[in-house]
Amino acid sequence: MPNIKPVSDLRNYGEVLRDVAIGQPVFLTKNGYGRYAVLDIEEYREYERMRAINRLLEEIERGRQSEKEEAVFTLEEVEEALGIAGEPHA
């Protein structure tokens, strides 16, 4: 069950922080509406990692869509267009 408290409970922030644990954020309300979430730092790091993975997957999907919708060039065509055809690769 979510731990929901009014933001005014932050006057006793030690009590609020004591309720925060991994997998158990404290949600703070302002004027009766959800406004803030207090997370354990490890949970926040996992959240940021998941956001980074999500951004990477979105970019991969954009690349796949681009490949379907736009012209795709071979390595040889790109090298020729750049004027580096026939040069050794590093």
PDB file of N, CA and C in Angstrom:
ATOM      1  N   MET A   1       0.843  -1.172   0.000  1.00  0.00           N
ATOM      2  CA  MET A   1       0.000   0.000   0.000  1.00  0.00           C
ATOM      3  C   MET A   1       0.890   1.238   0.000  1.00  0.00           C
ATOM      4  N   PRO A   2       0.616   2.222  -0.876  1.00  0.00           N
ATOM      5  CA  PRO A   2       1.476   3.407  -0.944  1.00  0.00           C
ATOM      6  C   PRO A   2       1.436   4.222   0.345  1.00  0.00           C
ATOM      7  N   ASN A   3       2.577   4.807   0.660  1.00  0.00           N
ATOM      8  CA  ASN A   3       2.705   5.645   1.843  1.00  0.00           C
ATOM      9  C   ASN A   3       2.486   7.095   1.400  1.00  0.00           C
ATOM     10  N   ILE A   4       1.339   7.661   1.728  1.00  0.00           N
ATOM     11  CA  ILE A   4       0.959   9.000   1.286  1.00  0.00           C
ATOM     12  C   ILE A   4       0.801   9.893   2.509  1.00  0.00           C
ATOM     13  N   LYS A   5       1.453  11.063   2.422  1.00  0.00           N
ATOM     14  CA  LYS A   5       1.406  12.009   3.538  1.00  0.00           C
ATOM     15  C   LYS A   5       1.230  13.413   2.980  1.00  0.00           C
ATOM     16  N   PRO A   6       0.642  14.305   3.758  1.00  0.00           N
ATOM     17  CA  PRO A   6       0.589  15.705   3.316  1.00  0.00           C
ATOM     18  C   PRO A   6       1.967  16.342   3.434  1.00  0.00           C
ATOM     19  N   VAL A   7       2.272  17.276   2.535  1.00  0.00           N
ATOM     20  CA  VAL A   7       3.577  17.926   2.534  1.00  0.00           C
ATOM     21  C   VAL A   7       3.846  18.626   3.868  1.00  0.00           C
ATOM     22  N   SER A   8       2.807  18.997   4.584  1.00  0.00           N
ATOM     23  CA  SER A   8       2.990  19.646   5.889  1.00  0.00           C
ATOM     24  C   SER A   8       3.688  18.727   6.887  1.00  0.00           C
ATOM     25  N   ASP A   9       3.654  17.417   6.644  1.00  0.00           N
ATOM     26  CA  ASP A   9       4.364  16.476   7.521  1.00  0.00           C
ATOM     27  C   ASP A   9       5.882  16.660   7.461  1.00  0.00           C
ATOM     28  N   LEU A  10       6.360  17.406   6.480  1.00  0.00           N
ATOM     29  CA  LEU A  10       7.801  17.632   6.383  1.00  0.00           C
ATOM     30  C   LEU A  10       8.325  18.484   7.536  1.00  0.00           C
ATOM     31  N   ARG A  11       7.434  19.091   8.306  1.00  0.00           N
ATOM     32  CA  ARG A  11       7.889  19.804   9.507  1.00  0.00           C
ATOM     33  C   ARG A  11       8.627  18.830  10.421  1.00  0.00           C
ATOM     34  N   ASN A  12       8.206  17.586  10.387  1.00  0.00           N
ATOM     35  CA  ASN A  12       8.882  16.509  11.124  1.00  0.00           C
ATOM     36  C   ASN A  12       9.538  15.590  10.095  1.00  0.00           C
ATOM     37  N   TYR A  13      10.468  16.162   9.302  1.00  0.00           N
ATOM     38  CA  TYR A  13      11.029  15.434   8.170  1.00  0.00           C
ATOM     39  C   TYR A  13      11.722  14.139   8.569  1.00  0.00           C
ATOM     40  N   GLY A  14      12.249  14.078   9.770  1.00  0.00           N
ATOM     41  CA  GLY A  14      12.899  12.845  10.218  1.00  0.00           C
ATOM     42  C   GLY A  14      11.929  11.679  10.226  1.00  0.00           C
ATOM     43  N   GLU A  15      10.708  11.958  10.626  1.00  0.00           N
ATOM     44  CA  GLU A  15       9.674  10.922  10.645  1.00  0.00           C
ATOM     45  C   GLU A  15       9.324  10.480   9.221  1.00  0.00           C
ATOM     46  N   VAL A  16       9.222  11.447   8.318  1.00  0.00           N
ATOM     47  CA  VAL A  16       8.909  11.132   6.922  1.00  0.00           C
ATOM     48  C   VAL A  16      10.033  10.299   6.319  1.00  0.00           C
ATOM     49  N   LEU A  17      11.277  10.721   6.535  1.00  0.00           N
ATOM     50  CA  LEU A  17      12.421  10.008   5.961  1.00  0.00           C
ATOM     51  C   LEU A  17      12.563   8.604   6.528  1.00  0.00           C
ATOM     52  N   ARG A  18      12.160   8.411   7.744  1.00  0.00           N
ATOM     53  CA  ARG A  18      12.240   7.092   8.368  1.00  0.00           C
ATOM     54  C   ARG A  18      11.340   6.086   7.629  1.00  0.00           C
ATOM     55  N   ASP A  19      10.288   6.597   7.000  1.00  0.00           N
ATOM     56  CA  ASP A  19       9.358   5.721   6.273  1.00  0.00           C
ATOM     57  C   ASP A  19       9.823   5.379   4.863  1.00  0.00           C
ATOM     58  N   VAL A  20      10.859   6.048   4.370  1.00  0.00           N
ATOM     59  CA  VAL A  20      11.353   5.806   3.011  1.00  0.00           C
ATOM     60  C   VAL A  20      12.276   4.595   3.017  1.00  0.00           C
ATOM     61  N   ALA A  21      12.057   3.689   2.065  1.00  0.00           N
ATOM     62  CA  ALA A  21      12.914   2.515   1.908  1.00  0.00           C
ATOM     63  C   ALA A  21      12.914   2.128   0.429  1.00  0.00           C
ATOM     64  N   ILE A  22      13.844   1.260   0.055  1.00  0.00           N
ATOM     65  CA  ILE A  22      13.878   0.782  -1.327  1.00  0.00           C
ATOM     66  C   ILE A  22      12.551   0.087  -1.613  1.00  0.00           C
ATOM     67  N   GLY A  23      11.897   0.515  -2.675  1.00  0.00           N
ATOM     68  CA  GLY A  23      10.601  -0.049  -3.042  1.00  0.00           C
ATOM     69  C   GLY A  23       9.446   0.532  -2.247  1.00  0.00           C
ATOM     70  N   GLN A  24       9.735   1.480  -1.357  1.00  0.00           N
ATOM     71  CA  GLN A  24       8.679   2.086  -0.544  1.00  0.00           C
ATOM     72  C   GLN A  24       8.882   3.602  -0.478  1.00  0.00           C
ATOM     73  N   PRO A  25       8.606   4.297  -1.587  1.00  0.00           N
ATOM     74  CA  PRO A  25       8.733   5.756  -1.552  1.00  0.00           C
ATOM     75  C   PRO A  25       7.608   6.362  -0.711  1.00  0.00           C
ATOM     76  N   VAL A  26       7.817   7.583  -0.285  1.00  0.00           N
ATOM     77  CA  VAL A  26       6.764   8.335   0.397  1.00  0.00           C
ATOM     78  C   VAL A  26       6.258   9.366  -0.601  1.00  0.00           C
ATOM     79  N   PHE A  27       4.964   9.386  -0.817  1.00  0.00           N
ATOM     80  CA  PHE A  27       4.336  10.342  -1.715  1.00  0.00           C
ATOM     81  C   PHE A  27       3.752  11.471  -0.882  1.00  0.00           C
ATOM     82  N   LEU A  28       4.085  12.697  -1.282  1.00  0.00           N
ATOM     83  CA  LEU A  28       3.614  13.861  -0.552  1.00  0.00           C
ATOM     84  C   LEU A  28       2.541  14.584  -1.364  1.00  0.00           C
ATOM     85  N   THR A  29       1.502  14.992  -0.673  1.00  0.00           N
ATOM     86  CA  THR A  29       0.412  15.703  -1.332  1.00  0.00           C
ATOM     87  C   THR A  29       0.439  17.175  -0.942  1.00  0.00           C
ATOM     88  N   LYS A  30      -0.037  17.992  -1.850  1.00  0.00           N
ATOM     89  CA  LYS A  30      -0.185  19.420  -1.586  1.00  0.00           C
ATOM     90  C   LYS A  30      -1.599  19.785  -2.001  1.00  0.00           C
ATOM     91  N   ASN A  31      -2.349  20.345  -1.069  1.00  0.00           N
ATOM     92  CA  ASN A  31      -3.764  20.669  -1.302  1.00  0.00           C
ATOM     93  C   ASN A  31      -4.562  19.436  -1.749  1.00  0.00           C
ATOM     94  N   GLY A  32      -4.189  18.288  -1.224  1.00  0.00           N
ATOM     95  CA  GLY A  32      -4.934  17.067  -1.509  1.00  0.00           C
ATOM     96  C   GLY A  32      -4.545  16.347  -2.785  1.00  0.00           C
ATOM     97  N   TYR A  33      -3.585  16.873  -3.533  1.00  0.00           N
ATOM     98  CA  TYR A  33      -3.172  16.263  -4.798  1.00  0.00           C
ATOM     99  C   TYR A  33      -1.719  15.809  -4.709  1.00  0.00           C
ATOM    100  N   GLY A  34      -1.412  14.676  -5.350  1.00  0.00           N
ATOM    101  CA  GLY A  34      -0.043  14.177  -5.376  1.00  0.00           C
ATOM    102  C   GLY A  34       0.880  15.209  -5.992  1.00  0.00           C
ATOM    103  N   ARG A  35       2.001  15.473  -5.333  1.00  0.00           N
ATOM    104  CA  ARG A  35       2.917  16.513  -5.808  1.00  0.00           C
ATOM    105  C   ARG A  35       4.371  16.065  -5.820  1.00  0.00           C
ATOM    106  N   TYR A  36       4.810  15.308  -4.821  1.00  0.00           N
ATOM    107  CA  TYR A  36       6.215  14.939  -4.681  1.00  0.00           C
ATOM    108  C   TYR A  36       6.339  13.460  -4.315  1.00  0.00           C
ATOM    109  N   ALA A  37       7.526  12.922  -4.603  1.00  0.00           N
ATOM    110  CA  ALA A  37       7.862  11.569  -4.173  1.00  0.00           C
ATOM    111  C   ALA A  37       9.248  11.612  -3.545  1.00  0.00           C
ATOM    112  N   VAL A  38       9.395  10.987  -2.397  1.00  0.00           N
ATOM    113  CA  VAL A  38      10.687  10.902  -1.730  1.00  0.00           C
ATOM    114  C   VAL A  38      11.158   9.458  -1.878  1.00  0.00           C
ATOM    115  N   LEU A  39      12.314   9.308  -2.559  1.00  0.00           N
ATOM    116  CA  LEU A  39      12.838   7.973  -2.867  1.00  0.00           C
ATOM    117  C   LEU A  39      14.152   7.730  -2.147  1.00  0.00           C
ATOM    118  N   ASP A  40      14.421   6.480  -1.854  1.00  0.00           N
ATOM    119  CA  ASP A  40      15.744   6.061  -1.410  1.00  0.00           C
ATOM    120  C   ASP A  40      16.702   6.318  -2.567  1.00  0.00           C
ATOM    121  N   ILE A  41      17.920   6.765  -2.303  1.00  0.00           N
ATOM    122  CA  ILE A  41      18.876   7.125  -3.352  1.00  0.00           C
ATOM    123  C   ILE A  41      19.175   5.946  -4.281  1.00  0.00           C
ATOM    124  N   GLU A  42      19.216   4.738  -3.770  1.00  0.00           N
ATOM    125  CA  GLU A  42      19.460   3.568  -4.619  1.00  0.00           C
ATOM    126  C   GLU A  42      18.311   3.367  -5.599  1.00  0.00           C
ATOM    127  N   GLU A  43      17.106   3.594  -5.144  1.00  0.00           N
ATOM    128  CA  GLU A  43      15.949   3.465  -6.035  1.00  0.00           C
ATOM    129  C   GLU A  43      15.985   4.553  -7.104  1.00  0.00           C
ATOM    130  N   TYR A  44      16.417   5.754  -6.720  1.00  0.00           N
ATOM    131  CA  TYR A  44      16.538   6.840  -7.680  1.00  0.00           C
ATOM    132  C   TYR A  44      17.590   6.500  -8.742  1.00  0.00           C
ATOM    133  N   ARG A  45      18.706   5.925  -8.337  1.00  0.00           N
ATOM    134  CA  ARG A  45      19.743   5.524  -9.305  1.00  0.00           C
ATOM    135  C   ARG A  45      19.195   4.501 -10.293  1.00  0.00           C
ATOM    136  N   GLU A  46      18.415   3.559  -9.796  1.00  0.00           N
ATOM    137  CA  GLU A  46      17.789   2.564 -10.676  1.00  0.00           C
ATOM    138  C   GLU A  46      16.815   3.246 -11.637  1.00  0.00           C
ATOM    139  N   TYR A  47      16.075   4.216 -11.135  1.00  0.00           N
ATOM    140  CA  TYR A  47      15.152   4.981 -11.970  1.00  0.00           C
ATOM    141  C   TYR A  47      15.916   5.681 -13.097  1.00  0.00           C
ATOM    142  N   GLU A  48      17.021   6.330 -12.780  1.00  0.00           N
ATOM    143  CA  GLU A  48      17.821   7.020 -13.787  1.00  0.00           C
ATOM    144  C   GLU A  48      18.406   6.031 -14.787  1.00  0.00           C
ATOM    145  N   ARG A  49      18.833   4.863 -14.313  1.00  0.00           N
ATOM    146  CA  ARG A  49      19.364   3.833 -15.215  1.00  0.00           C
ATOM    147  C   ARG A  49      18.285   3.372 -16.192  1.00  0.00           C
ATOM    148  N   MET A  50      17.086   3.181 -15.689  1.00  0.00           N
ATOM    149  CA  MET A  50      15.979   2.751 -16.549  1.00  0.00           C
ATOM    150  C   MET A  50      15.614   3.841 -17.559  1.00  0.00           C
ATOM    151  N   ARG A  51      15.690   5.089 -17.147  1.00  0.00           N
ATOM    152  CA  ARG A  51      15.421   6.190 -18.081  1.00  0.00           C
ATOM    153  C   ARG A  51      16.461   6.206 -19.191  1.00  0.00           C
ATOM    154  N   ALA A  52      17.735   5.979 -18.846  1.00  0.00           N
ATOM    155  CA  ALA A  52      18.797   5.957 -19.848  1.00  0.00           C
ATOM    156  C   ALA A  52      18.587   4.806 -20.827  1.00  0.00           C
ATOM    157  N   ILE A  53      18.217   3.646 -20.314  1.00  0.00           N
ATOM    158  CA  ILE A  53      17.947   2.487 -21.175  1.00  0.00           C
ATOM    159  C   ILE A  53      16.774   2.797 -22.101  1.00  0.00           C
ATOM    160  N   ASN A  54      15.746   3.422 -21.567  1.00  0.00           N
ATOM    161  CA  ASN A  54      14.578   3.769 -22.372  1.00  0.00           C
ATOM    162  C   ASN A  54      14.956   4.740 -23.495  1.00  0.00           C
ATOM    163  N   ARG A  55      15.780   5.747 -23.181  1.00  0.00           N
ATOM    164  CA  ARG A  55      16.224   6.697 -24.218  1.00  0.00           C
ATOM    165  C   ARG A  55      17.030   5.981 -25.297  1.00  0.00           C
ATOM    166  N   LEU A  56      17.891   5.043 -24.886  1.00  0.00           N
ATOM    167  CA  LEU A  56      18.691   4.276 -25.843  1.00  0.00           C
ATOM    168  C   LEU A  56      17.782   3.453 -26.748  1.00  0.00           C
ATOM    169  N   LEU A  57      16.807   2.782 -26.175  1.00  0.00           N
ATOM    170  CA  LEU A  57      15.880   1.976 -26.976  1.00  0.00           C
ATOM    171  C   LEU A  57      15.075   2.839 -27.940  1.00  0.00           C
ATOM    172  N   GLU A  58      14.695   4.033 -27.499  1.00  0.00           N
ATOM    173  CA  GLU A  58      13.975   4.953 -28.393  1.00  0.00           C
ATOM    174  C   GLU A  58      14.853   5.369 -29.570  1.00  0.00           C
ATOM    175  N   GLU A  59      16.131   5.629 -29.314  1.00  0.00           N
ATOM    176  CA  GLU A  59      17.049   6.009 -30.390  1.00  0.00           C
ATOM    177  C   GLU A  59      17.265   4.852 -31.364  1.00  0.00           C
ATOM    178  N   ILE A  60      17.379   3.647 -30.834  1.00  0.00           N
ATOM    179  CA  ILE A  60      17.531   2.471 -31.695  1.00  0.00           C
ATOM    180  C   ILE A  60      16.302   2.328 -32.587  1.00  0.00           C
ATOM    181  N   GLU A  61      15.122   2.509 -32.014  1.00  0.00           N
ATOM    182  CA  GLU A  61      13.890   2.402 -32.798  1.00  0.00           C
ATOM    183  C   GLU A  61      13.820   3.501 -33.859  1.00  0.00           C
ATOM    184  N   ARG A  62      14.253   4.715 -33.495  1.00  0.00           N
ATOM    185  CA  ARG A  62      14.278   5.798 -34.491  1.00  0.00           C
ATOM    186  C   ARG A  62      15.202   5.430 -35.641  1.00  0.00           C
ATOM    187  N   GLY A  63      16.336   4.798 -35.325  1.00  0.00           N
ATOM    188  CA  GLY A  63      17.257   4.359 -36.368  1.00  0.00           C
ATOM    189  C   GLY A  63      16.638   3.296 -37.265  1.00  0.00           C
ATOM    190  N   ARG A  64      15.921   2.381 -36.655  1.00  0.00           N
ATOM    191  CA  ARG A  64      15.252   1.333 -37.444  1.00  0.00           C
ATOM    192  C   ARG A  64      14.187   1.931 -38.360  1.00  0.00           C
ATOM    193  N   GLN A  65      13.422   2.879 -37.842  1.00  0.00           N
ATOM    194  CA  GLN A  65      12.404   3.529 -38.657  1.00  0.00           C
ATOM    195  C   GLN A  65      13.054   4.330 -39.784  1.00  0.00           C
ATOM    196  N   SER A  66      14.137   4.993 -39.483  1.00  0.00           N
ATOM    197  CA  SER A  66      14.857   5.773 -40.489  1.00  0.00           C
ATOM    198  C   SER A  66      15.354   4.866 -41.605  1.00  0.00           C
ATOM    199  N   GLU A  67      15.852   3.700 -41.211  1.00  0.00           N
ATOM    200  CA  GLU A  67      16.342   2.741 -42.206  1.00  0.00           C
ATOM    201  C   GLU A  67      15.222   2.322 -43.146  1.00  0.00           C
ATOM    202  N   LYS A  68      14.010   2.160 -42.620  1.00  0.00           N
ATOM    203  CA  LYS A  68      12.869   1.746 -43.441  1.00  0.00           C
ATOM    204  C   LYS A  68      12.381   2.871 -44.342  1.00  0.00           C
ATOM    205  N   GLU A  69      12.453   4.099 -43.835  1.00  0.00           N
ATOM    206  CA  GLU A  69      11.845   5.228 -44.542  1.00  0.00           C
ATOM    207  C   GLU A  69      12.815   5.990 -45.434  1.00  0.00           C
ATOM    208  N   GLU A  70      14.094   5.899 -45.162  1.00  0.00           N
ATOM    209  CA  GLU A  70      15.074   6.682 -45.898  1.00  0.00           C
ATOM    210  C   GLU A  70      16.072   5.767 -46.596  1.00  0.00           C
ATOM    211  N   ALA A  71      16.866   6.378 -47.445  1.00  0.00           N
ATOM    212  CA  ALA A  71      17.869   5.616 -48.181  1.00  0.00           C
ATOM    213  C   ALA A  71      18.917   5.052 -47.226  1.00  0.00           C
ATOM    214  N   VAL A  72      19.354   3.854 -47.539  1.00  0.00           N
ATOM    215  CA  VAL A  72      20.416   3.208 -46.764  1.00  0.00           C
ATOM    216  C   VAL A  72      21.600   3.029 -47.707  1.00  0.00           C
ATOM    217  N   PHE A  73      22.786   3.400 -47.215  1.00  0.00           N
ATOM    218  CA  PHE A  73      23.986   3.330 -48.037  1.00  0.00           C
ATOM    219  C   PHE A  73      24.907   2.242 -47.516  1.00  0.00           C
ATOM    220  N   THR A  74      25.611   1.622 -48.433  1.00  0.00           N
ATOM    221  CA  THR A  74      26.617   0.648 -48.039  1.00  0.00           C
ATOM    222  C   THR A  74      27.854   1.406 -47.557  1.00  0.00           C
ATOM    223  N   LEU A  75      28.746   0.695 -46.885  1.00  0.00           N
ATOM    224  CA  LEU A  75      29.997   1.296 -46.428  1.00  0.00           C
ATOM    225  C   LEU A  75      30.785   1.824 -47.618  1.00  0.00           C
ATOM    226  N   GLU A  76      30.813   1.072 -48.691  1.00  0.00           N
ATOM    227  CA  GLU A  76      31.558   1.491 -49.878  1.00  0.00           C
ATOM    228  C   GLU A  76      30.987   2.783 -50.457  1.00  0.00           C
ATOM    229  N   GLU A  77      29.673   2.922 -50.482  1.00  0.00           N
ATOM    230  CA  GLU A  77      29.052   4.145 -50.998  1.00  0.00           C
ATOM    231  C   GLU A  77      29.386   5.358 -50.126  1.00  0.00           C
ATOM    232  N   VAL A  78      29.405   5.161 -48.826  1.00  0.00           N
ATOM    233  CA  VAL A  78      29.737   6.253 -47.908  1.00  0.00           C
ATOM    234  C   VAL A  78      31.196   6.656 -48.085  1.00  0.00           C
ATOM    235  N   GLU A  79      32.083   5.672 -48.165  1.00  0.00           N
ATOM    236  CA  GLU A  79      33.503   5.968 -48.354  1.00  0.00           C
ATOM    237  C   GLU A  79      33.731   6.715 -49.667  1.00  0.00           C
ATOM    238  N   GLU A  80      33.044   6.300 -50.717  1.00  0.00           N
ATOM    239  CA  GLU A  80      33.186   6.968 -52.011  1.00  0.00           C
ATOM    240  C   GLU A  80      32.672   8.403 -51.927  1.00  0.00           C
ATOM    241  N   ALA A  81      31.542   8.608 -51.270  1.00  0.00           N
ATOM    242  CA  ALA A  81      30.986   9.959 -51.133  1.00  0.00           C
ATOM    243  C   ALA A  81      31.904  10.859 -50.321  1.00  0.00           C
ATOM    244  N   LEU A  82      32.622  10.283 -49.357  1.00  0.00           N
ATOM    245  CA  LEU A  82      33.544  11.059 -48.526  1.00  0.00           C
ATOM    246  C   LEU A  82      34.925  11.198 -49.164  1.00  0.00           C
ATOM    247  N   GLY A  83      35.139  10.517 -50.263  1.00  0.00           N
ATOM    248  CA  GLY A  83      36.421  10.586 -50.945  1.00  0.00           C
ATOM    249  C   GLY A  83      37.517   9.794 -50.257  1.00  0.00           C
ATOM    250  N   ILE A  84      37.129   8.764 -49.532  1.00  0.00           N
ATOM    251  CA  ILE A  84      38.123   7.960 -48.837  1.00  0.00           C
ATOM    252  C   ILE A  84      38.088   6.495 -49.283  1.00  0.00           C
ATOM    253  N   ALA A  85      37.467   6.255 -50.428  1.00  0.00           N
ATOM    254  CA  ALA A  85      37.360   4.891 -50.935  1.00  0.00           C
ATOM    255  C   ALA A  85      38.748   4.327 -51.179  1.00  0.00           C
ATOM    256  N   GLY A  86      38.936   3.090 -50.782  1.00  0.00           N
ATOM    257  CA  GLY A  86      40.193   2.399 -51.005  1.00  0.00           C
ATOM    258  C   GLY A  86      41.234   2.634 -49.936  1.00  0.00           C
ATOM    259  N   GLU A  87      40.988   3.538 -48.993  1.00  0.00           N
ATOM    260  CA  GLU A  87      41.935   3.767 -47.910  1.00  0.00           C
ATOM    261  C   GLU A  87      41.812   2.649 -46.881  1.00  0.00           C
ATOM    262  N   PRO A  88      42.937   2.293 -46.239  1.00  0.00           N
ATOM    263  CA  PRO A  88      42.862   1.230 -45.222  1.00  0.00           C
ATOM    264  C   PRO A  88      42.041   1.677 -44.017  1.00  0.00           C
ATOM    265  N   HIS A  89      41.317   0.738 -43.438  1.00  0.00           N
ATOM    266  CA  HIS A  89      40.514   1.013 -42.241  1.00  0.00           C
ATOM    267  C   HIS A  89      41.382   0.847 -41.006  1.00  0.00           C
ATOM    268  N   ALA A  90      41.077   1.643 -40.013  1.00  0.00           N
ATOM    269  CA  ALA A  90      41.848   1.566 -38.755  1.00  0.00           C
ATOM    270  C   ALA A  90      41.432   0.395 -37.939  1.00  0.00           C
TER     271      ALA A  90
END
